[in-house]
Amino acid sequence: MGAKLCPHIILEGTRLTHKTDVAFALNEHPRFVGVRKYRYHSPIVSAEWCGFTNRPWGRGLINFAPDEADKAVETYQTWMRLFELQRYYSWIVDRFHISTQVYQQRVHQNSMNFEWLEERLATLNFRLVLLTREDASFEQARAERLKVSMNPSQYNDLSIFIEEQSALRTAVKASRLKTLEVDISHGHIDLACRQIVDWFEATGGLHQT
């Protein structure tokens, strides 16, 4: 039996960049989490969970109100402590602190300082992958999403996503974590996963010490 596979990854990106599709695919990828002969409860964490309000598409760890900032920081502290306690497990995170930084700065002009969080994430060998797409490809991506979306109005203005993608790039470049940008304009989930897994393998991201 080889070394245990326990990669730690944060997937970032604006809407329509297949983050969740990639997260699910990685969570069953034999080179990423090992060969599985049956499906079992392997967690995917997301800062997009709207757990601060008792209604659909409410507020959560990314889009919290100014008076909920302390609650958001405490939630990040809680997740971080759980990651530390369960170090030797595969953690796949679908949006996290980078999305929070970008949203809070854009909407509330609130500069969130996550240096403490990134220091602890880096200690656990967390890697940051930014999924992006070419600006011209957002229109087709929206058309596909509207076939299944239960909240189609959130896709009315694509300029918001294009601007957010630019802001995410800037924030990721400033991160202390090892980072990779993957173009998902083609929409091929398997190809994106192969790029990510190859990078993790080449840079020592699949195992913990």
Foldseek 3Di string as FASTA:
>chain_A
DDAAFAFAEEEDAFPLLCLVVLLVCLVQDCLRHHHDPDDDDDDEAEQQPQPPDDDPPHHGLQRDDPVCVVVNVVVLVVVLVVCVVPLRHHYHYYDDVLSNQLRCCVPVVDHDDCPVVLVSCVLSLYEYEYGAEDLVLLVVSLVVVVVPDPDSVVSPDCVVRVVSRVSSVVSVVVGPHHYYYDYCSVVDSVVRNVVVSVVCVVVVRGHGD
